[in-house]
């Protein structure tokens, strides 16, 4: 009950429904009242009743906060992607390929990406560690479009992330309290991977080939496409623990392994450990290679920075490590 009560206090503090001069003192008052009741009342059942009633009331009020597509979004997330089918033909609308001068200074470019579903042949699981804490990371996927009637392979990424408003930054704590909308971003690897490697020199990025047949890759993409269109039609809130980048990816990739998955596994709750989780479940790597050696071979941020965001980027980051 204590954990739920602390969640309720945090929810009041971060309420969008109340101005900060009201929500902050109100949350402090709840803590003071709870401490006073706990110290004075006997039996403690009365305190539990107070805490339970507080949690229930705050939860009901929090439901008044509804997700929306109508906010003042940053330029890179102002438009949502959609996926359309016509037989085997796939069209990704609002496909992003930004041009970056820095991580925060860029020109937004969008177009349509067209290919046949049957061309999707491979997929990679990408982990971006952006903090000294190993547990904190962002994860997403990249797909290969095999050549059709000659030509070269093409690649694109899809990232499940918050949809940021102007002057808004991400906070894992605020992500617990219905503060951010969810977004499925489809874009070129030079955009989604390039900005996380070349433009963020302190981040460590790992790109793991997923153990999947072309048919499994195509079914995986179809599930992601359906989810993307669902978000387009009905906005949802992001949640740091229950509806985040890892939950979104795992929801689609879980069918790649026959091993039962526990959604309460710490390696799921903390995406920085998700690559080890995927290795243990047989989604990436093999038992012939240790996880440490696999991780070393699949690190791409160094070679990405050496190459730069330029034509041939996707091929360069896939070259075997020396």
Protein backbone atom coordinates (compact mmCIF):
# COMPACT_ATOMS: atom_id res chain seq x y z
CA UNK A 1 0.00 0.00 0.00
CA UNK A 2 2.90 2.36 0.71
CA UNK A 3 4.10 2.10 -2.90
CA UNK A 4 0.63 2.91 -4.22
CA UNK A 5 0.33 5.84 -1.84
CA UNK A 6 3.68 7.24 -2.99
CA UNK A 7 2.48 6.88 -6.59
CA UNK A 8 -0.64 8.88 -5.67
CA UNK A 9 1.46 11.63 -4.09
CA UNK A 10 3.59 11.81 -7.22
CA UNK A 11 0.49 11.88 -9.40
CA UNK A 12 -0.86 14.89 -7.53
CA UNK A 13 2.52 16.64 -7.86
CA UNK A 14 2.59 16.07 -11.62
CA UNK A 15 -1.11 16.68 -12.34
CA UNK A 16 -1.72 18.58 -15.56
CA UNK A 17 -5.22 19.27 -14.25
CA UNK A 18 -3.93 21.55 -11.48
CA UNK A 19 -1.54 24.51 -11.65
CA UNK A 20 1.84 23.84 -10.02
CA UNK A 21 1.25 26.35 -7.16
CA UNK A 22 -1.67 24.12 -6.09
CA UNK A 23 -0.51 20.60 -6.96
CA UNK A 24 2.86 20.86 -5.19
CA UNK A 25 1.54 22.02 -1.77
CA UNK A 26 -1.33 19.52 -2.04
CA UNK A 27 1.04 16.60 -2.50
CA UNK A 28 3.13 17.77 0.47
CA UNK A 29 -0.04 18.07 2.55
CA UNK A 30 -0.95 14.48 1.72
CA UNK A 31 2.41 13.25 2.98
CA UNK A 32 2.14 15.28 6.20
CA UNK A 33 -1.41 14.04 6.81
CA UNK A 34 -0.39 10.43 6.20
CA UNK A 35 2.55 10.69 8.60
CA UNK A 36 0.41 12.33 11.28
CA UNK A 37 -2.30 9.68 10.99
CA UNK A 38 0.22 6.85 11.06
CA UNK A 39 1.83 8.25 14.23
CA UNK A 40 -1.39 8.93 16.12
CA UNK A 41 -3.94 6.35 15.03
CA UNK A 42 -4.25 2.87 16.43
CA UNK A 43 -4.97 0.43 14.92
CA UNK A 44 -3.04 1.16 11.76
CA UNK A 45 -6.03 -0.09 9.78
CA UNK A 46 -7.35 3.45 9.86
CA UNK A 47 -4.18 4.67 8.13
CA UNK A 48 -4.56 1.97 5.50
CA UNK A 49 -8.12 3.14 4.89
CA UNK A 50 -6.92 6.72 4.43
CA UNK A 51 -4.11 5.64 2.09
CA UNK A 52 -6.40 3.37 0.08
CA UNK A 53 -9.05 6.06 -0.28
CA UNK A 54 -6.39 8.56 -1.38
CA UNK A 55 -4.99 6.20 -4.01
CA UNK A 56 -8.45 5.39 -5.36
CA UNK A 57 -9.49 9.06 -5.53
CA UNK A 58 -6.26 10.13 -7.25
CA UNK A 59 -6.54 7.25 -9.74
CA UNK A 60 -10.09 8.28 -10.64
CA UNK A 61 -9.06 11.91 -11.07
CA UNK A 62 -6.05 10.91 -13.19
CA UNK A 63 -8.45 9.30 -15.67
CA UNK A 64 -9.71 12.79 -16.48
CA UNK A 65 -6.38 13.37 -18.24
CA UNK A 66 -6.96 12.07 -21.75
CA UNK A 67 -4.36 11.59 -24.51
CA UNK A 68 -4.65 13.76 -27.58
CA UNK A 69 -2.99 14.35 -30.93
CA UNK A 70 -3.62 18.09 -30.63
CA UNK A 71 -0.65 19.65 -28.86
CA UNK A 72 2.22 21.95 -29.82
CA UNK A 73 4.62 19.18 -30.86
CA UNK A 74 8.30 19.53 -31.70
CA UNK A 75 8.91 19.68 -35.44
CA UNK A 76 10.34 16.17 -35.68
CA UNK A 77 7.19 14.67 -34.18
CA UNK A 78 4.53 17.01 -35.48
CA UNK A 79 3.13 14.37 -37.85
CA UNK A 80 2.33 10.72 -37.17
CA UNK A 81 3.29 7.85 -39.43
CA UNK A 82 0.69 5.57 -41.02
CA UNK A 83 1.07 2.27 -42.84
CA UNK A 84 -1.14 1.43 -45.82
CA UNK A 85 -1.48 -1.87 -47.67
CA UNK A 86 -2.61 -2.74 -51.17
CA UNK A 87 -2.06 -6.45 -51.55
CA UNK A 88 1.65 -7.08 -51.07
CA UNK A 89 2.46 -3.40 -51.58
CA UNK A 90 3.25 -1.38 -48.43
CA UNK A 91 3.35 2.40 -48.11
CA UNK A 92 4.70 4.09 -44.99
CA UNK A 93 3.29 7.60 -44.89
CA UNK A 94 5.12 10.46 -43.15
CA UNK A 95 8.38 8.53 -43.34
CA UNK A 96 11.04 10.69 -41.69
CA UNK A 97 14.55 11.41 -42.95
CA UNK A 98 15.72 14.51 -41.10
CA UNK A 99 18.99 16.28 -41.87
CA UNK A 100 20.93 17.04 -38.67
CA UNK A 101 23.44 19.73 -37.80
CA UNK A 102 23.25 18.69 -34.13
CA UNK A 103 20.93 16.55 -32.03
CA UNK A 104 18.62 19.53 -31.51
CA UNK A 105 19.22 21.49 -34.74
CA UNK A 106 17.81 19.80 -37.82
CA UNK A 107 15.65 20.15 -40.92
CA UNK A 108 12.54 17.98 -41.02
CA UNK A 109 11.97 15.94 -44.16
CA UNK A 110 9.12 13.52 -44.74
CA UNK A 111 8.09 11.40 -47.68
CA UNK A 112 6.53 8.03 -48.47
CA UNK A 113 8.45 4.76 -48.37
CA UNK A 114 7.16 2.07 -50.71
CA UNK A 115 8.10 -1.61 -50.87
CA UNK A 116 6.60 -5.08 -51.04
CA UNK A 117 5.92 -6.83 -47.76
CA UNK A 118 7.57 -9.93 -49.20
CA UNK A 119 10.80 -7.94 -49.59
CA UNK A 120 11.30 -7.63 -45.83
CA UNK A 121 14.02 -10.15 -45.07
CA UNK A 122 15.88 -9.24 -41.86
CA UNK A 123 15.45 -7.23 -38.68
CA UNK A 124 17.85 -5.84 -36.06
CA UNK A 125 17.29 -5.07 -32.38
CA UNK A 126 18.97 -1.80 -31.37
CA UNK A 127 19.86 -0.68 -27.84
CA UNK A 128 20.90 2.92 -27.19
CA UNK A 129 22.49 3.43 -23.78
CA UNK A 130 22.28 7.13 -23.03
CA UNK A 131 23.22 7.07 -19.34
CA UNK A 132 25.99 5.85 -17.07
CA UNK A 133 23.29 3.69 -15.49
CA UNK A 134 23.26 0.40 -17.40
CA UNK A 135 19.54 -0.05 -16.84
CA UNK A 136 18.53 3.11 -18.71
CA UNK A 137 18.31 2.78 -22.48
CA UNK A 138 16.13 3.23 -25.53
CA UNK A 139 15.40 0.25 -27.79
CA UNK A 140 14.03 0.06 -31.31
CA UNK A 141 14.13 -2.01 -34.52
CA UNK A 142 15.56 -1.74 -38.02
CA UNK A 143 14.35 -3.67 -41.07
CA UNK A 144 16.03 -4.66 -44.33
CA UNK A 145 14.15 -4.34 -47.62
CA UNK A 146 15.74 -6.89 -49.95
CA UNK A 147 16.41 -5.78 -53.55
CA UNK A 148 13.59 -6.24 -56.05
CA UNK A 149 14.51 -6.50 -59.73
CA UNK A 150 18.11 -5.62 -58.98
CA UNK A 151 19.42 -2.65 -57.04
CA UNK A 152 20.68 -2.48 -53.47
CA UNK A 153 19.08 -3.38 -50.17
CA UNK A 154 17.30 -0.60 -48.32
CA UNK A 155 16.85 -0.13 -44.59
CA UNK A 156 14.52 1.70 -42.23
CA UNK A 157 13.96 1.96 -38.49
CA UNK A 158 10.89 2.11 -36.27
CA UNK A 159 11.07 3.58 -32.78
CA UNK A 160 8.43 3.55 -30.03
CA UNK A 161 8.91 6.72 -27.99
CA UNK A 162 7.24 9.68 -26.35
CA UNK A 163 5.76 12.39 -28.56
CA UNK A 164 7.41 15.51 -27.18
CA UNK A 165 5.87 18.95 -27.00
CA UNK A 166 7.82 22.16 -27.52
CA UNK A 167 10.15 22.90 -24.59
CA UNK A 168 9.42 19.47 -23.10
CA UNK A 169 12.08 16.99 -22.03
CA UNK A 170 11.73 13.37 -21.02
CA UNK A 171 11.58 12.42 -17.34
CA UNK A 172 11.15 8.76 -16.31
CA UNK A 173 9.28 9.95 -13.21
CA UNK A 174 6.83 12.09 -15.18
CA UNK A 175 6.40 9.16 -17.54
CA UNK A 176 4.57 7.36 -14.72
CA UNK A 177 1.83 9.99 -14.63
CA UNK A 178 0.14 10.28 -18.04
CA UNK A 179 2.29 13.22 -19.11
CA UNK A 180 3.43 12.01 -22.55
CA UNK A 181 1.66 10.60 -25.56
CA UNK A 182 2.99 7.49 -27.33
CA UNK A 183 4.43 7.66 -30.83
CA UNK A 184 5.60 5.12 -33.44
CA UNK A 185 8.28 6.85 -35.53
CA UNK A 186 9.29 5.37 -38.90
CA UNK A 187 12.43 6.82 -40.45
CA UNK A 188 15.66 6.32 -42.33
CA UNK A 189 18.54 4.78 -40.42
CA UNK A 190 20.59 7.90 -41.15
CA UNK A 191 17.95 9.74 -39.11
CA UNK A 192 16.98 7.44 -36.24
CA UNK A 193 20.35 5.74 -35.80
CA UNK A 194 22.51 8.62 -37.03
CA UNK A 195 21.20 11.10 -34.48
CA UNK A 196 21.78 8.58 -31.68
CA UNK A 197 25.38 7.87 -32.68
CA UNK A 198 27.00 10.67 -34.66
CA UNK A 199 25.11 13.49 -32.93
CA UNK A 200 25.32 12.07 -29.41
CA UNK A 201 28.98 11.19 -28.89
CA UNK A 202 28.54 9.91 -25.33
CA UNK A 203 25.86 7.34 -26.16
CA UNK A 204 26.66 3.67 -26.72
CA UNK A 205 24.59 1.95 -29.40
CA UNK A 206 24.38 -1.77 -30.13
CA UNK A 207 22.73 -3.35 -33.18
CA UNK A 208 21.90 -7.06 -32.90
CA UNK A 209 20.69 -9.25 -35.79
CA UNK A 210 17.44 -10.93 -34.74
CA UNK A 211 17.05 -14.67 -35.21
CA UNK A 212 14.04 -14.67 -37.52
CA UNK A 213 13.05 -16.05 -40.91
CA UNK A 214 11.83 -13.64 -43.63
CA UNK A 215 8.28 -14.82 -42.95
CA UNK A 216 8.66 -14.04 -39.25
CA UNK A 217 10.11 -10.63 -40.11
CA UNK A 218 7.12 -9.88 -42.32
CA UNK A 219 4.63 -10.92 -39.65
CA UNK A 220 6.55 -8.83 -37.11
CA UNK A 221 6.30 -5.78 -39.34
CA UNK A 222 2.59 -6.38 -39.92
CA UNK A 223 1.94 -6.37 -36.16
CA UNK A 224 3.91 -3.14 -35.78
CA UNK A 225 2.01 -1.59 -38.70
CA UNK A 226 -1.34 -2.47 -37.14
CA UNK A 227 -0.26 -0.96 -33.83
CA UNK A 228 0.97 2.18 -35.59
CA UNK A 229 -2.39 2.69 -37.26
CA UNK A 230 -4.15 2.04 -33.96
CA UNK A 231 -2.14 4.83 -32.30
CA UNK A 232 -2.89 7.10 -35.26
CA UNK A 233 -6.63 6.57 -34.77
CA UNK A 234 -6.67 6.52 -30.95
CA UNK A 235 -3.91 8.32 -29.03
CA UNK A 236 -2.44 6.62 -25.97
CA UNK A 237 -0.33 7.72 -23.05
CA UNK A 238 3.25 6.56 -22.71
CA UNK A 239 4.06 4.91 -19.38
CA UNK A 240 7.62 4.50 -18.11
CA UNK A 241 6.99 0.93 -16.93
CA UNK A 242 3.85 -0.34 -18.67
CA UNK A 243 3.76 1.26 -22.13
CA UNK A 244 7.31 2.20 -23.06
CA UNK A 245 9.78 1.46 -25.86
CA UNK A 246 10.62 -2.00 -24.51
CA UNK A 247 7.00 -3.03 -23.90
CA UNK A 248 6.14 -1.85 -27.39
CA UNK A 249 8.95 -3.80 -29.04
CA UNK A 250 8.48 -6.92 -26.90
CA UNK A 251 4.76 -6.96 -27.59
CA UNK A 252 5.65 -7.58 -31.24
CA UNK A 253 8.80 -9.70 -30.91
CA UNK A 254 7.62 -12.10 -28.17
CA UNK A 255 6.31 -14.52 -30.80
CA UNK A 256 9.84 -15.03 -32.12
CA UNK A 257 10.65 -17.26 -29.15
CA UNK A 258 8.81 -20.29 -27.75
CA UNK A 259 10.17 -19.48 -24.30
CA UNK A 260 7.61 -18.07 -21.86
CA UNK A 261 8.23 -14.41 -21.05
CA UNK A 262 7.51 -12.76 -17.72
CA UNK A 263 6.48 -9.13 -18.15
CA UNK A 264 7.79 -8.44 -14.64
CA UNK A 265 11.33 -9.50 -15.51
CA UNK A 266 13.68 -6.66 -14.41
CA UNK A 267 15.40 -6.87 -17.81
CA UNK A 268 12.11 -5.78 -19.40
CA UNK A 269 11.35 -3.05 -16.88
CA UNK A 270 14.91 -1.72 -17.33
CA UNK A 271 15.53 -1.65 -21.12
CA UNK A 272 19.29 -1.34 -20.68
CA UNK A 273 19.33 -5.05 -19.87
CA UNK A 274 16.99 -6.00 -22.71
CA UNK A 275 19.76 -7.21 -25.01
CA UNK A 276 20.87 -9.73 -22.39
CA UNK A 277 17.21 -10.72 -21.98
CA UNK A 278 16.86 -11.20 -25.75
CA UNK A 279 20.04 -13.29 -25.78
CA UNK A 280 18.78 -15.52 -22.96
CA UNK A 281 15.48 -16.06 -24.80
CA UNK A 282 17.22 -16.95 -28.08
CA UNK A 283 15.96 -13.86 -29.92
CA UNK A 284 19.51 -12.69 -30.67
CA UNK A 285 22.87 -14.45 -30.76
CA UNK A 286 23.59 -18.14 -30.25
CA UNK A 287 24.97 -20.35 -27.52
CA UNK A 288 28.18 -20.76 -29.53
CA UNK A 289 29.04 -17.14 -28.70
CA UNK A 290 29.01 -15.56 -25.26
CA UNK A 291 26.84 -12.52 -24.68
CA UNK A 292 29.88 -10.35 -23.96
CA UNK A 293 31.48 -11.24 -27.31
CA UNK A 294 28.17 -10.69 -29.11
CA UNK A 295 27.76 -7.28 -27.51
CA UNK A 296 31.29 -6.29 -28.44
CA UNK A 297 30.78 -7.34 -32.08
CA UNK A 298 27.45 -5.52 -32.35
CA UNK A 299 28.51 -2.11 -31.03
CA UNK A 300 28.04 0.40 -33.87
CA UNK A 301 28.35 3.92 -32.43
CA UNK A 302 32.13 4.14 -32.91
CA UNK A 303 32.08 3.09 -36.56
CA UNK A 304 29.01 5.29 -37.18
CA UNK A 305 30.89 8.36 -35.93
CA UNK A 306 33.93 7.46 -38.00
CA UNK A 307 31.79 7.18 -41.15
CA UNK A 308 29.40 10.08 -40.48
CA UNK A 309 25.83 10.55 -41.66
CA UNK A 310 26.28 10.06 -45.39
CA UNK A 311 25.29 7.78 -48.25
CA UNK A 312 26.28 4.24 -47.40
CA UNK A 313 25.62 4.76 -43.67
CA UNK A 314 23.53 1.58 -43.31
CA UNK A 315 26.18 -0.56 -44.98
CA UNK A 316 28.98 1.03 -42.93
CA UNK A 317 27.42 0.31 -39.54
CA UNK A 318 26.86 -3.33 -40.55
CA UNK A 319 30.49 -4.01 -41.43
CA UNK A 320 32.00 -6.60 -39.07
CA UNK A 321 33.96 -5.13 -36.18
CA UNK A 322 37.72 -5.39 -36.55
